Amino acid sequence: MPEAQPETPPAEEEATASPTPAPAAVPAKDAAKPRPVVYYATGRRKSSIARVRMMEGPGKITVNGKLMHQYLPLARYQRDILAPLRATKCMGRYDVVANTYGGGMTGQTGAIVLGIARAILIAEPKQKETLQGGGWLTRDARKVERKKYGFRKARRSTQYSKR
């Protein structure tokens, strides 16, 4: 009488009969590229918030995925953003990527300026006096004043009628 062998399910037989091909060998990196040093900072103004990343590069400034002159077309805004970079002589040495939300163009520009100044301070602590002298490290605390009841605006009263 032949010996009884346990039957293997057909799926198991296929798996043992034809091994799965090994994944292609991943080529080893010849020289691991050093990750660029990134300096993070946050700036706020009015109701705007800007998260700024600054890394060494040719000096490209990007705001919300667009180049600075496309997102902020007014020369005044561009001049304000470049001011701390010019004063500290960091103009062509760092790339700046800023993500902003909330508020309008003036608030977002002020938030970006504060974020850039704080990132420069982290990257080059010796520039603190220059940044403070230009007023770029000071958070502008002015916000829109709330409207009070009994008034038309925050301080504007209703028109007075003598008779």
Foldseek 3Di string as FASTA:
>chain_A
DDDDDDDDDPVVVVCVVDPDDDDDDDDDDPDDDDDWDWFWFWFFFAFKIKIKIKTFAQQFEEEQNHGPCVVPVDPVLVCLLCVVCVQVVVRGTMYMYMYMDDDDSVGHSLGNLCGVLVRVCVVPVVCVVSCVVVVSPDHDPDYAAACDPQAPGNPHHDDDDPD
